[in-house]
């Protein structure tokens, strides 16, 4: 069996040269906050409850943390989600933005991206965050670990303590080291999952079997 991964337009998903501070100003976000983001529809498999419990733990240590939550039904009108935040979110600060079309710009405001899913296939959102130079912590589900490689952290699913520990370590490393980690993350996607790289894999398969058919 030959598996060819998803490919990404590295030119569409790339930092636009605007500083993180300016991007935050555009969205009305505090410039000095430590922003942890999650993107995905509201679904039990996405582990929003795990993310919220991790946020409560992080908030006890990182007092300027803001947890940016984006996706379909991830909004204040979602009673179930609001109840989770009230019962398990502690004193953490959450911003629920719902479904958005400006994901890449919002990712540019993040210090860390979090995938808290209980199950995944090939989570595109992780690669997209990496292309926006955001270091990631992901649960060990689907191909998430393969995507981040050595550029991010992988934790067991369903363990908010593990997520919190990694996110706090990202906060302690400081802006300069996080920037370097984000740049390495982008380069990994460019090298292994850029659309040009992936399309060549398809071409090689087509050429191989085209030649085989000619011989037959």
Foldseek 3Di string as FASTA:
>chain_A
DDDFDAFDALVVQADPPDALQVLCVVVVHDSPAAEEEEEEADDVQQVPLLVLLLQQVLCVPRVRYEYEYEEAPQDPVNVVSVVSCVVRNHPHHYDRDYYDPPVSSVLSNHQEYERQGPEDAPDPVQLSSLSHLHAYEYEPYHCNCVLQPPLHHYHHHPHSVVVNVRSVVSVVVDDVVSSVSSVVSSVSCCVRRHPVNSVVVVVVVVVVVVVVVVVD
